[in-house]
Amino acid sequence: MTPLNRYTCEEAFRRLDDYLDRELSAEEMTLVHEHLDICAGCAREFNFEASVLRGVRQKLRQIDPPDSLQARILAALGKAHR
């Protein structure tokens, strides 16, 4: 983090995926948000990545996976959290 308690473009860019997934601490979320408010280049990258995620989520909602696949995914997730 910079001494002024702001993120540089590089620092914000490294955190964009986690910011989109809301996996940062509250302080980091704020710092990325503040950077996006003042940096048009990073805001464009964020908007692009956010639109890709929205598109993927929308497509995934249209797929009806078989019950066996859902069961395998849930079992794998349960194992990963142990």
PDB file of N, CA and C in Angstrom:
ATOM      1  N   MET A   1       0.841  -1.172   0.000  1.00  0.00           N
ATOM      2  CA  MET A   1       0.000   0.000   0.000  1.00  0.00           C
ATOM      3  C   MET A   1       0.890   1.239   0.000  1.00  0.00           C
ATOM      4  N   THR A   2       0.458   2.274  -0.658  1.00  0.00           N
ATOM      5  CA  THR A   2       1.257   3.491  -0.725  1.00  0.00           C
ATOM      6  C   THR A   2       1.168   4.240   0.595  1.00  0.00           C
ATOM      7  N   PRO A   3       2.128   5.120   0.865  1.00  0.00           N
ATOM      8  CA  PRO A   3       2.122   5.861   2.127  1.00  0.00           C
ATOM      9  C   PRO A   3       0.887   6.749   2.288  1.00  0.00           C
ATOM     10  N   LEU A   4       0.243   7.128   1.184  1.00  0.00           N
ATOM     11  CA  LEU A   4      -0.936   7.990   1.276  1.00  0.00           C
ATOM     12  C   LEU A   4      -2.213   7.199   1.550  1.00  0.00           C
ATOM     13  N   ASN A   5      -2.072   5.902   1.780  1.00  0.00           N
ATOM     14  CA  ASN A   5      -3.207   5.033   2.058  1.00  0.00           C
ATOM     15  C   ASN A   5      -4.164   4.960   0.872  1.00  0.00           C
ATOM     16  N   ARG A   6      -3.588   4.955  -0.332  1.00  0.00           N
ATOM     17  CA  ARG A   6      -4.341   4.766  -1.571  1.00  0.00           C
ATOM     18  C   ARG A   6      -3.647   3.682  -2.370  1.00  0.00           C
ATOM     19  N   TYR A   7      -4.434   3.006  -3.178  1.00  0.00           N
ATOM     20  CA  TYR A   7      -3.848   1.999  -4.048  1.00  0.00           C
ATOM     21  C   TYR A   7      -3.382   2.630  -5.350  1.00  0.00           C
ATOM     22  N   THR A   8      -2.259   2.114  -5.849  1.00  0.00           N
ATOM     23  CA  THR A   8      -1.824   2.460  -7.199  1.00  0.00           C
ATOM     24  C   THR A   8      -2.651   1.614  -8.172  1.00  0.00           C
ATOM     25  N   CYS A   9      -2.499   1.886  -9.448  1.00  0.00           N
ATOM     26  CA  CYS A   9      -3.195   1.078 -10.453  1.00  0.00           C
ATOM     27  C   CYS A   9      -2.795  -0.392 -10.321  1.00  0.00           C
ATOM     28  N   GLU A  10      -1.511  -0.651 -10.138  1.00  0.00           N
ATOM     29  CA  GLU A  10      -1.040  -2.032 -10.022  1.00  0.00           C
ATOM     30  C   GLU A  10      -1.661  -2.722  -8.808  1.00  0.00           C
ATOM     31  N   GLU A  11      -1.703  -2.026  -7.682  1.00  0.00           N
ATOM     32  CA  GLU A  11      -2.275  -2.617  -6.470  1.00  0.00           C
ATOM     33  C   GLU A  11      -3.772  -2.889  -6.640  1.00  0.00           C
ATOM     34  N   ALA A  12      -4.476  -1.949  -7.228  1.00  0.00           N
ATOM     35  CA  ALA A  12      -5.914  -2.124  -7.446  1.00  0.00           C
ATOM     36  C   ALA A  12      -6.164  -3.247  -8.452  1.00  0.00           C
ATOM     37  N   PHE A  13      -5.389  -3.264  -9.539  1.00  0.00           N
ATOM     38  CA  PHE A  13      -5.570  -4.269 -10.572  1.00  0.00           C
ATOM     39  C   PHE A  13      -5.362  -5.683 -10.025  1.00  0.00           C
ATOM     40  N   ARG A  14      -4.354  -5.854  -9.165  1.00  0.00           N
ATOM     41  CA  ARG A  14      -4.086  -7.176  -8.573  1.00  0.00           C
ATOM     42  C   ARG A  14      -5.260  -7.665  -7.720  1.00  0.00           C
ATOM     43  N   ARG A  15      -6.075  -6.751  -7.257  1.00  0.00           N
ATOM     44  CA  ARG A  15      -7.178  -7.117  -6.370  1.00  0.00           C
ATOM     45  C   ARG A  15      -8.544  -7.129  -7.060  1.00  0.00           C
ATOM     46  N   LEU A  16      -8.596  -6.835  -8.350  1.00  0.00           N
ATOM     47  CA  LEU A  16      -9.893  -6.721  -9.032  1.00  0.00           C
ATOM     48  C   LEU A  16     -10.734  -7.992  -8.945  1.00  0.00           C
ATOM     49  N   ASP A  17     -10.128  -9.144  -9.170  1.00  0.00           N
ATOM     50  CA  ASP A  17     -10.904 -10.389  -9.111  1.00  0.00           C
ATOM     51  C   ASP A  17     -11.502 -10.591  -7.728  1.00  0.00           C
ATOM     52  N   ASP A  18     -10.689 -10.402  -6.699  1.00  0.00           N
ATOM     53  CA  ASP A  18     -11.197 -10.570  -5.339  1.00  0.00           C
ATOM     54  C   ASP A  18     -12.210  -9.482  -4.989  1.00  0.00           C
ATOM     55  N   TYR A  19     -12.024  -8.293  -5.544  1.00  0.00           N
ATOM     56  CA  TYR A  19     -12.992  -7.213  -5.330  1.00  0.00           C
ATOM     57  C   TYR A  19     -14.336  -7.601  -5.959  1.00  0.00           C
ATOM     58  N   LEU A  20     -14.297  -8.105  -7.168  1.00  0.00           N
ATOM     59  CA  LEU A  20     -15.524  -8.527  -7.843  1.00  0.00           C
ATOM     60  C   LEU A  20     -16.221  -9.652  -7.080  1.00  0.00           C
ATOM     61  N   ASP A  21     -15.440 -10.527  -6.476  1.00  0.00           N
ATOM     62  CA  ASP A  21     -15.988 -11.655  -5.710  1.00  0.00           C
ATOM     63  C   ASP A  21     -16.289 -11.278  -4.261  1.00  0.00           C
ATOM     64  N   ARG A  22     -16.007 -10.035  -3.903  1.00  0.00           N
ATOM     65  CA  ARG A  22     -16.214  -9.533  -2.535  1.00  0.00           C
ATOM     66  C   ARG A  22     -15.460 -10.369  -1.504  1.00  0.00           C
ATOM     67  N   GLU A  23     -14.214 -10.685  -1.837  1.00  0.00           N
ATOM     68  CA  GLU A  23     -13.390 -11.513  -0.965  1.00  0.00           C
ATOM     69  C   GLU A  23     -12.273 -10.727  -0.284  1.00  0.00           C
ATOM     70  N   LEU A  24     -12.342  -9.402  -0.334  1.00  0.00           N
ATOM     71  CA  LEU A  24     -11.339  -8.566   0.322  1.00  0.00           C
ATOM     72  C   LEU A  24     -11.857  -8.117   1.682  1.00  0.00           C
ATOM     73  N   SER A  25     -10.935  -7.663   2.509  1.00  0.00           N
ATOM     74  CA  SER A  25     -11.348  -7.075   3.784  1.00  0.00           C
ATOM     75  C   SER A  25     -12.113  -5.790   3.487  1.00  0.00           C
ATOM     76  N   ALA A  26     -12.827  -5.293   4.468  1.00  0.00           N
ATOM     77  CA  ALA A  26     -13.592  -4.049   4.290  1.00  0.00           C
ATOM     78  C   ALA A  26     -12.672  -2.900   3.890  1.00  0.00           C
ATOM     79  N   GLU A  27     -11.490  -2.839   4.503  1.00  0.00           N
ATOM     80  CA  GLU A  27     -10.536  -1.771   4.180  1.00  0.00           C
ATOM     81  C   GLU A  27     -10.057  -1.883   2.733  1.00  0.00           C
ATOM     82  N   GLU A  28      -9.727  -3.107   2.303  1.00  0.00           N
ATOM     83  CA  GLU A  28      -9.270  -3.295   0.922  1.00  0.00           C
ATOM     84  C   GLU A  28     -10.388  -2.989  -0.063  1.00  0.00           C
ATOM     85  N   MET A  29     -11.613  -3.389   0.245  1.00  0.00           N
ATOM     86  CA  MET A  29     -12.753  -3.077  -0.633  1.00  0.00           C
ATOM     87  C   MET A  29     -12.867  -1.568  -0.813  1.00  0.00           C
ATOM     88  N   THR A  30     -12.737  -0.843   0.281  1.00  0.00           N
ATOM     89  CA  THR A  30     -12.835   0.618   0.231  1.00  0.00           C
ATOM     90  C   THR A  30     -11.716   1.210  -0.615  1.00  0.00           C
ATOM     91  N   LEU A  31     -10.489   0.719  -0.415  1.00  0.00           N
ATOM     92  CA  LEU A  31      -9.357   1.262  -1.169  1.00  0.00           C
ATOM     93  C   LEU A  31      -9.500   0.998  -2.669  1.00  0.00           C
ATOM     94  N   VAL A  32      -9.945  -0.185  -3.043  1.00  0.00           N
ATOM     95  CA  VAL A  32     -10.153  -0.473  -4.466  1.00  0.00           C
ATOM     96  C   VAL A  32     -11.270   0.414  -5.000  1.00  0.00           C
ATOM     97  N   HIS A  33     -12.369   0.504  -4.262  1.00  0.00           N
ATOM     98  CA  HIS A  33     -13.507   1.335  -4.694  1.00  0.00           C
ATOM     99  C   HIS A  33     -13.069   2.787  -4.895  1.00  0.00           C
ATOM    100  N   GLU A  34     -12.317   3.309  -3.946  1.00  0.00           N
ATOM    101  CA  GLU A  34     -11.837   4.692  -4.064  1.00  0.00           C
ATOM    102  C   GLU A  34     -10.931   4.858  -5.272  1.00  0.00           C
ATOM    103  N   HIS A  35     -10.088   3.869  -5.547  1.00  0.00           N
ATOM    104  CA  HIS A  35      -9.212   3.952  -6.713  1.00  0.00           C
ATOM    105  C   HIS A  35     -10.042   3.942  -7.999  1.00  0.00           C
ATOM    106  N   LEU A  36     -11.044   3.078  -8.063  1.00  0.00           N
ATOM    107  CA  LEU A  36     -11.885   3.010  -9.265  1.00  0.00           C
ATOM    108  C   LEU A  36     -12.631   4.319  -9.494  1.00  0.00           C
ATOM    109  N   ASP A  37     -12.950   5.024  -8.414  1.00  0.00           N
ATOM    110  CA  ASP A  37     -13.639   6.313  -8.532  1.00  0.00           C
ATOM    111  C   ASP A  37     -12.776   7.387  -9.183  1.00  0.00           C
ATOM    112  N   ILE A  38     -11.451   7.257  -9.044  1.00  0.00           N
ATOM    113  CA  ILE A  38     -10.573   8.321  -9.557  1.00  0.00           C
ATOM    114  C   ILE A  38      -9.746   7.915 -10.770  1.00  0.00           C
ATOM    115  N   CYS A  39      -9.783   6.635 -11.147  1.00  0.00           N
ATOM    116  CA  CYS A  39      -8.928   6.157 -12.241  1.00  0.00           C
ATOM    117  C   CYS A  39      -9.796   5.582 -13.367  1.00  0.00           C
ATOM    118  N   ALA A  40      -9.896   6.308 -14.451  1.00  0.00           N
ATOM    119  CA  ALA A  40     -10.741   5.885 -15.573  1.00  0.00           C
ATOM    120  C   ALA A  40     -10.241   4.583 -16.202  1.00  0.00           C
ATOM    121  N   GLY A  41      -8.930   4.408 -16.298  1.00  0.00           N
ATOM    122  CA  GLY A  41      -8.381   3.186 -16.902  1.00  0.00           C
ATOM    123  C   GLY A  41      -8.735   1.943 -16.099  1.00  0.00           C
ATOM    124  N   CYS A  42      -8.560   2.015 -14.807  1.00  0.00           N
ATOM    125  CA  CYS A  42      -8.898   0.865 -13.948  1.00  0.00           C
ATOM    126  C   CYS A  42     -10.410   0.655 -13.905  1.00  0.00           C
ATOM    127  N   ALA A  43     -11.165   1.735 -13.934  1.00  0.00           N
ATOM    128  CA  ALA A  43     -12.626   1.618 -13.936  1.00  0.00           C
ATOM    129  C   ALA A  43     -13.093   0.905 -15.210  1.00  0.00           C
ATOM    130  N   ARG A  44     -12.467   1.202 -16.355  1.00  0.00           N
ATOM    131  CA  ARG A  44     -12.805   0.508 -17.605  1.00  0.00           C
ATOM    132  C   ARG A  44     -12.517  -0.982 -17.495  1.00  0.00           C
ATOM    133  N   GLU A  45     -11.359  -1.333 -16.933  1.00  0.00           N
ATOM    134  CA  GLU A  45     -10.995  -2.740 -16.758  1.00  0.00           C
ATOM    135  C   GLU A  45     -11.981  -3.425 -15.813  1.00  0.00           C
ATOM    136  N   PHE A  46     -12.324  -2.750 -14.730  1.00  0.00           N
ATOM    137  CA  PHE A  46     -13.300  -3.298 -13.783  1.00  0.00           C
ATOM    138  C   PHE A  46     -14.641  -3.526 -14.475  1.00  0.00           C
ATOM    139  N   ASN A  47     -15.115  -2.539 -15.230  1.00  0.00           N
ATOM    140  CA  ASN A  47     -16.404  -2.668 -15.917  1.00  0.00           C
ATOM    141  C   ASN A  47     -16.384  -3.813 -16.923  1.00  0.00           C
ATOM    142  N   PHE A  48     -15.262  -3.985 -17.616  1.00  0.00           N
ATOM    143  CA  PHE A  48     -15.141  -5.098 -18.557  1.00  0.00           C
ATOM    144  C   PHE A  48     -15.215  -6.429 -17.824  1.00  0.00           C
ATOM    145  N   GLU A  49     -14.409  -6.579 -16.771  1.00  0.00           N
ATOM    146  CA  GLU A  49     -14.401  -7.840 -16.024  1.00  0.00           C
ATOM    147  C   GLU A  49     -15.762  -8.117 -15.388  1.00  0.00           C
ATOM    148  N   ALA A  50     -16.413  -7.079 -14.871  1.00  0.00           N
ATOM    149  CA  ALA A  50     -17.736  -7.246 -14.262  1.00  0.00           C
ATOM    150  C   ALA A  50     -18.752  -7.686 -15.311  1.00  0.00           C
ATOM    151  N   SER A  51     -18.656  -7.143 -16.533  1.00  0.00           N
ATOM    152  CA  SER A  51     -19.606  -7.528 -17.584  1.00  0.00           C
ATOM    153  C   SER A  51     -19.382  -8.974 -18.021  1.00  0.00           C
ATOM    154  N   VAL A  52     -18.127  -9.410 -18.051  1.00  0.00           N
ATOM    155  CA  VAL A  52     -17.834 -10.811 -18.384  1.00  0.00           C
ATOM    156  C   VAL A  52     -18.445 -11.726 -17.320  1.00  0.00           C
ATOM    157  N   LEU A  53     -18.250 -11.396 -16.055  1.00  0.00           N
ATOM    158  CA  LEU A  53     -18.823 -12.209 -14.980  1.00  0.00           C
ATOM    159  C   LEU A  53     -20.353 -12.250 -15.052  1.00  0.00           C
ATOM    160  N   ARG A  54     -20.970 -11.111 -15.320  1.00  0.00           N
ATOM    161  CA  ARG A  54     -22.438 -11.085 -15.455  1.00  0.00           C
ATOM    162  C   ARG A  54     -22.885 -11.990 -16.592  1.00  0.00           C
ATOM    163  N   GLY A  55     -22.173 -11.940 -17.707  1.00  0.00           N
ATOM    164  CA  GLY A  55     -22.509 -12.786 -18.851  1.00  0.00           C
ATOM    165  C   GLY A  55     -22.376 -14.260 -18.530  1.00  0.00           C
ATOM    166  N   VAL A  56     -21.298 -14.621 -17.854  1.00  0.00           N
ATOM    167  CA  VAL A  56     -21.094 -16.029 -17.479  1.00  0.00           C
ATOM    168  C   VAL A  56     -22.192 -16.475 -16.523  1.00  0.00           C
ATOM    169  N   ARG A  57     -22.482 -15.654 -15.520  1.00  0.00           N
ATOM    170  CA  ARG A  57     -23.543 -16.015 -14.562  1.00  0.00           C
ATOM    171  C   ARG A  57     -24.891 -16.173 -15.255  1.00  0.00           C
ATOM    172  N   GLN A  58     -25.169 -15.280 -16.186  1.00  0.00           N
ATOM    173  CA  GLN A  58     -26.438 -15.353 -16.916  1.00  0.00           C
ATOM    174  C   GLN A  58     -26.517 -16.653 -17.726  1.00  0.00           C
ATOM    175  N   LYS A  59     -25.436 -17.011 -18.392  1.00  0.00           N
ATOM    176  CA  LYS A  59     -25.411 -18.255 -19.171  1.00  0.00           C
ATOM    177  C   LYS A  59     -25.552 -19.474 -18.260  1.00  0.00           C
ATOM    178  N   LEU A  60     -24.877 -19.443 -17.119  1.00  0.00           N
ATOM    179  CA  LEU A  60     -24.949 -20.584 -16.203  1.00  0.00           C
ATOM    180  C   LEU A  60     -26.362 -20.795 -15.660  1.00  0.00           C
ATOM    181  N   ARG A  61     -27.111 -19.714 -15.498  1.00  0.00           N
ATOM    182  CA  ARG A  61     -28.494 -19.849 -15.021  1.00  0.00           C
ATOM    183  C   ARG A  61     -29.384 -20.541 -16.047  1.00  0.00           C
ATOM    184  N   GLN A  62     -28.970 -20.559 -17.298  1.00  0.00           N
ATOM    185  CA  GLN A  62     -29.759 -21.173 -18.356  1.00  0.00           C
ATOM    186  C   GLN A  62     -29.483 -22.668 -18.483  1.00  0.00           C
ATOM    187  N   ILE A  63     -28.476 -23.142 -17.797  1.00  0.00           N
ATOM    188  CA  ILE A  63     -28.094 -24.558 -17.867  1.00  0.00           C
ATOM    189  C   ILE A  63     -28.746 -25.301 -16.708  1.00  0.00           C
ATOM    190  N   ASP A  64     -29.339 -26.434 -17.029  1.00  0.00           N
ATOM    191  CA  ASP A  64     -29.938 -27.272 -15.999  1.00  0.00           C
ATOM    192  C   ASP A  64     -29.074 -28.523 -15.845  1.00  0.00           C
ATOM    193  N   PRO A  65     -28.114 -28.480 -14.906  1.00  0.00           N
ATOM    194  CA  PRO A  65     -27.209 -29.626 -14.766  1.00  0.00           C
ATOM    195  C   PRO A  65     -27.936 -30.840 -14.205  1.00  0.00           C
ATOM    196  N   PRO A  66     -27.480 -32.022 -14.568  1.00  0.00           N
ATOM    197  CA  PRO A  66     -28.090 -33.233 -14.020  1.00  0.00           C
ATOM    198  C   PRO A  66     -27.867 -33.313 -12.508  1.00  0.00           C
ATOM    199  N   ASP A  67     -28.790 -33.966 -11.819  1.00  0.00           N
ATOM    200  CA  ASP A  67     -28.692 -34.100 -10.371  1.00  0.00           C
ATOM    201  C   ASP A  67     -27.378 -34.740  -9.941  1.00  0.00           C
ATOM    202  N   SER A  68     -26.892 -35.699 -10.720  1.00  0.00           N
ATOM    203  CA  SER A  68     -25.638 -36.372 -10.351  1.00  0.00           C
ATOM    204  C   SER A  68     -24.461 -35.395 -10.341  1.00  0.00           C
ATOM    205  N   LEU A  69     -24.446 -34.445 -11.266  1.00  0.00           N
ATOM    206  CA  LEU A  69     -23.379 -33.448 -11.303  1.00  0.00           C
ATOM    207  C   LEU A  69     -23.475 -32.542 -10.087  1.00  0.00           C
ATOM    208  N   GLN A  70     -24.687 -32.101  -9.769  1.00  0.00           N
ATOM    209  CA  GLN A  70     -24.865 -31.242  -8.600  1.00  0.00           C
ATOM    210  C   GLN A  70     -24.406 -31.956  -7.335  1.00  0.00           C
ATOM    211  N   ALA A  71     -24.718 -33.238  -7.205  1.00  0.00           N
ATOM    212  CA  ALA A  71     -24.312 -34.003  -6.029  1.00  0.00           C
ATOM    213  C   ALA A  71     -22.793 -34.106  -5.939  1.00  0.00           C
ATOM    214  N   ARG A  72     -22.132 -34.342  -7.071  1.00  0.00           N
ATOM    215  CA  ARG A  72     -20.661 -34.434  -7.076  1.00  0.00           C
ATOM    216  C   ARG A  72     -20.028 -33.095  -6.711  1.00  0.00           C
ATOM    217  N   ILE A  73     -20.580 -32.011  -7.218  1.00  0.00           N
ATOM    218  CA  ILE A  73     -20.042 -30.678  -6.904  1.00  0.00           C
ATOM    219  C   ILE A  73     -20.206 -30.385  -5.424  1.00  0.00           C
ATOM    220  N   LEU A  74     -21.381 -30.635  -4.880  1.00  0.00           N
ATOM    221  CA  LEU A  74     -21.620 -30.384  -3.461  1.00  0.00           C
ATOM    222  C   LEU A  74     -20.708 -31.238  -2.584  1.00  0.00           C
ATOM    223  N   ALA A  75     -20.488 -32.493  -2.972  1.00  0.00           N
ATOM    224  CA  ALA A  75     -19.588 -33.359  -2.221  1.00  0.00           C
ATOM    225  C   ALA A  75     -18.157 -32.822  -2.264  1.00  0.00           C
ATOM    226  N   ALA A  76     -17.725 -32.368  -3.427  1.00  0.00           N
ATOM    227  CA  ALA A  76     -16.376 -31.825  -3.565  1.00  0.00           C
ATOM    228  C   ALA A  76     -16.220 -30.553  -2.746  1.00  0.00           C
ATOM    229  N   LEU A  77     -17.237 -29.708  -2.738  1.00  0.00           N
ATOM    230  CA  LEU A  77     -17.188 -28.479  -1.954  1.00  0.00           C
ATOM    231  C   LEU A  77     -17.135 -28.789  -0.466  1.00  0.00           C
ATOM    232  N   GLY A  78     -17.912 -29.786  -0.058  1.00  0.00           N
ATOM    233  CA  GLY A  78     -17.889 -30.189   1.347  1.00  0.00           C
ATOM    234  C   GLY A  78     -16.518 -30.689   1.774  1.00  0.00           C
ATOM    235  N   LYS A  79     -15.879 -31.450   0.906  1.00  0.00           N
ATOM    236  CA  LYS A  79     -14.527 -31.953   1.180  1.00  0.00           C
ATOM    237  C   LYS A  79     -13.522 -30.798   1.276  1.00  0.00           C
ATOM    238  N   ALA A  80     -13.664 -29.844   0.380  1.00  0.00           N
ATOM    239  CA  ALA A  80     -12.704 -28.719   0.331  1.00  0.00           C
ATOM    240  C   ALA A  80     -12.794 -27.851   1.583  1.00  0.00           C
ATOM    241  N   HIS A  81     -13.956 -27.771   2.186  1.00  0.00           N
ATOM    242  CA  HIS A  81     -14.124 -26.921   3.364  1.00  0.00           C
ATOM    243  C   HIS A  81     -13.698 -27.611   4.664  1.00  0.00           C
ATOM    244  N   ARG A  82     -13.402 -28.891   4.586  1.00  0.00           N
ATOM    245  CA  ARG A  82     -12.968 -29.613   5.812  1.00  0.00           C
ATOM    246  C   ARG A  82     -11.534 -29.465   6.072  1.00  0.00           C
TER     247      ARG A  82
END
